[in-house]
Amino acid sequence: MSNSERIEQLAAAIAEDVYIDIAKWHLYLNDARLHRPLAEKFYPMLANGITSADVSKVLTETAIAIGGGKREIPLSDLIPNACQNRLLSILEEFEQ
């Protein structure tokens, strides 16, 4: 299986379970078109084993434009801790 197929599989797994929470409104990452870019960032990291610190770092470094680009917020501030933990689990399962 090619890397691009594996990235697509990882993106699909992320899309199903991980969401942004704004005022208790859940926007899943596939609806926000963020699942593929995150999969592309995480996939190369899987070879060395992924940690919660790795997940936090990537989410913190991923800036999300809001208000028509008036401001950017780190993705880590928008994804609840439970979803970040689920993301780590998805990544750990995927690397096996």
C-alpha atoms as a PDB file:
ATOM      1  CA  MET A   1       0.000   0.000   0.000  1.00  0.00           C
ATOM      2  CA  SER A   2       1.352   3.428  -0.920  1.00  0.00           C
ATOM      3  CA  ASN A   3       2.002   6.229   1.557  1.00  0.00           C
ATOM      4  CA  SER A   4      -0.781   8.288   0.038  1.00  0.00           C
ATOM      5  CA  GLU A   5      -3.272   5.441   0.585  1.00  0.00           C
ATOM      6  CA  ARG A   6      -2.102   5.090   4.191  1.00  0.00           C
ATOM      7  CA  ILE A   7      -2.453   8.849   4.726  1.00  0.00           C
ATOM      8  CA  GLU A   8      -5.997   8.661   3.330  1.00  0.00           C
ATOM      9  CA  GLN A   9      -6.808   5.833   5.761  1.00  0.00           C
ATOM     10  CA  LEU A  10      -5.380   7.827   8.653  1.00  0.00           C
ATOM     11  CA  ALA A  11      -7.297  10.939   7.570  1.00  0.00           C
ATOM     12  CA  ALA A  12     -10.526   8.912   7.458  1.00  0.00           C
ATOM     13  CA  ALA A  13      -9.916   7.568  10.974  1.00  0.00           C
ATOM     14  CA  ILE A  14      -9.241  11.081  12.290  1.00  0.00           C
ATOM     15  CA  ALA A  15     -12.303  12.483  10.502  1.00  0.00           C
ATOM     16  CA  GLU A  16     -14.677  10.058  12.222  1.00  0.00           C
ATOM     17  CA  ASP A  17     -13.815  10.821  15.845  1.00  0.00           C
ATOM     18  CA  VAL A  18     -12.084  14.165  16.271  1.00  0.00           C
ATOM     19  CA  TYR A  19     -13.904  17.482  16.385  1.00  0.00           C
ATOM     20  CA  ILE A  20     -13.576  21.153  17.225  1.00  0.00           C
ATOM     21  CA  ASP A  21     -15.852  22.288  20.053  1.00  0.00           C
ATOM     22  CA  ILE A  22     -17.178  25.851  19.917  1.00  0.00           C
ATOM     23  CA  ALA A  23     -19.974  26.727  22.348  1.00  0.00           C
ATOM     24  CA  LYS A  24     -20.820  23.000  22.615  1.00  0.00           C
ATOM     25  CA  TRP A  25     -21.186  22.821  18.842  1.00  0.00           C
ATOM     26  CA  HIS A  26     -19.104  19.998  17.378  1.00  0.00           C
ATOM     27  CA  LEU A  27     -17.467  20.526  14.002  1.00  0.00           C
ATOM     28  CA  TYR A  28     -15.804  17.296  12.932  1.00  0.00           C
ATOM     29  CA  LEU A  29     -12.407  17.710  11.314  1.00  0.00           C
ATOM     30  CA  ASN A  30     -13.610  16.318   7.987  1.00  0.00           C
ATOM     31  CA  ASP A  31     -16.285  19.056   7.844  1.00  0.00           C
ATOM     32  CA  ALA A  32     -13.610  21.631   8.641  1.00  0.00           C
ATOM     33  CA  ARG A  33     -11.335  20.052   5.990  1.00  0.00           C
ATOM     34  CA  LEU A  34      -8.597  19.556   8.574  1.00  0.00           C
ATOM     35  CA  HIS A  35      -8.395  15.751   8.716  1.00  0.00           C
ATOM     36  CA  ARG A  36      -6.147  15.368   5.651  1.00  0.00           C
ATOM     37  CA  PRO A  37      -3.619  18.114   6.601  1.00  0.00           C
ATOM     38  CA  LEU A  38      -3.322  16.610  10.094  1.00  0.00           C
ATOM     39  CA  ALA A  39      -2.882  13.112   8.695  1.00  0.00           C
ATOM     40  CA  GLU A  40      -0.096  14.447   6.462  1.00  0.00           C
ATOM     41  CA  LYS A  41       1.617  15.973   9.501  1.00  0.00           C
ATOM     42  CA  PHE A  42       1.220  12.946  11.755  1.00  0.00           C
ATOM     43  CA  TYR A  43       1.937  10.127   9.295  1.00  0.00           C
ATOM     44  CA  PRO A  44       5.740  10.647   9.098  1.00  0.00           C
ATOM     45  CA  MET A  45       5.895  10.816  12.898  1.00  0.00           C
ATOM     46  CA  LEU A  46       4.388   7.353  13.328  1.00  0.00           C
ATOM     47  CA  ALA A  47       7.619   5.577  12.378  1.00  0.00           C
ATOM     48  CA  ASN A  48       9.295   6.809  15.590  1.00  0.00           C
ATOM     49  CA  GLY A  49       6.319   6.225  17.877  1.00  0.00           C
ATOM     50  CA  ILE A  50       3.846   8.974  18.696  1.00  0.00           C
ATOM     51  CA  THR A  51       3.441  10.581  22.112  1.00  0.00           C
ATOM     52  CA  SER A  52       0.901  12.930  23.651  1.00  0.00           C
ATOM     53  CA  ALA A  53       3.601  15.634  23.508  1.00  0.00           C
ATOM     54  CA  ASP A  54       3.861  15.104  19.739  1.00  0.00           C
ATOM     55  CA  VAL A  55       0.095  15.454  19.348  1.00  0.00           C
ATOM     56  CA  SER A  56       0.048  18.601  21.489  1.00  0.00           C
ATOM     57  CA  LYS A  57       2.924  20.129  19.530  1.00  0.00           C
ATOM     58  CA  VAL A  58       1.293  19.552  16.121  1.00  0.00           C
ATOM     59  CA  LEU A  59      -2.095  20.826  17.303  1.00  0.00           C
ATOM     60  CA  THR A  60      -0.510  23.894  18.912  1.00  0.00           C
ATOM     61  CA  GLU A  61       1.470  24.683  15.755  1.00  0.00           C
ATOM     62  CA  THR A  62      -1.615  24.330  13.526  1.00  0.00           C
ATOM     63  CA  ALA A  63      -3.195  27.792  13.417  1.00  0.00           C
ATOM     64  CA  ILE A  64      -6.875  28.071  12.499  1.00  0.00           C
ATOM     65  CA  ALA A  65      -8.132  31.339  11.020  1.00  0.00           C
ATOM     66  CA  ILE A  66     -11.409  32.557  12.503  1.00  0.00           C
ATOM     67  CA  GLY A  67     -13.598  35.555  11.825  1.00  0.00           C
ATOM     68  CA  GLY A  68     -12.650  35.726   8.171  1.00  0.00           C
ATOM     69  CA  GLY A  69      -8.975  35.698   9.066  1.00  0.00           C
ATOM     70  CA  LYS A  70      -9.135  38.439  11.710  1.00  0.00           C
ATOM     71  CA  ARG A  71      -7.515  36.118  14.219  1.00  0.00           C
ATOM     72  CA  GLU A  72      -5.785  32.764  14.380  1.00  0.00           C
ATOM     73  CA  ILE A  73      -6.197  30.258  17.191  1.00  0.00           C
ATOM     74  CA  PRO A  74      -4.098  27.136  17.759  1.00  0.00           C
ATOM     75  CA  LEU A  75      -6.069  23.999  16.920  1.00  0.00           C
ATOM     76  CA  SER A  76      -5.109  22.673  20.359  1.00  0.00           C
ATOM     77  CA  ASP A  77      -7.359  25.351  21.906  1.00  0.00           C
ATOM     78  CA  LEU A  78     -10.344  24.204  19.858  1.00  0.00           C
ATOM     79  CA  ILE A  79     -10.170  20.421  20.310  1.00  0.00           C
ATOM     80  CA  PRO A  80     -11.344  19.170  23.726  1.00  0.00           C
ATOM     81  CA  ASN A  81      -8.913  17.083  25.785  1.00  0.00           C
ATOM     82  CA  ALA A  82     -11.029  13.958  25.342  1.00  0.00           C
ATOM     83  CA  CYS A  83     -10.753  14.338  21.556  1.00  0.00           C
ATOM     84  CA  GLN A  84      -7.017  14.956  21.780  1.00  0.00           C
ATOM     85  CA  ASN A  85      -6.703  11.732  23.757  1.00  0.00           C
ATOM     86  CA  ARG A  86      -8.818   9.932  21.157  1.00  0.00           C
ATOM     87  CA  LEU A  87      -6.570  11.338  18.428  1.00  0.00           C
ATOM     88  CA  LEU A  88      -3.534   9.918  20.219  1.00  0.00           C
ATOM     89  CA  SER A  89      -5.275   6.535  20.455  1.00  0.00           C
ATOM     90  CA  ILE A  90      -6.092   6.608  16.730  1.00  0.00           C
ATOM     91  CA  LEU A  91      -2.473   7.407  15.923  1.00  0.00           C
ATOM     92  CA  GLU A  92      -1.158   4.672  18.237  1.00  0.00           C
ATOM     93  CA  GLU A  93      -3.518   2.105  16.703  1.00  0.00           C
ATOM     94  CA  PHE A  94      -2.522   3.204  13.225  1.00  0.00           C
ATOM     95  CA  GLU A  95       1.210   2.832  13.832  1.00  0.00           C
ATOM     96  CA  GLN A  96       0.866  -0.853  14.761  1.00  0.00           C
END
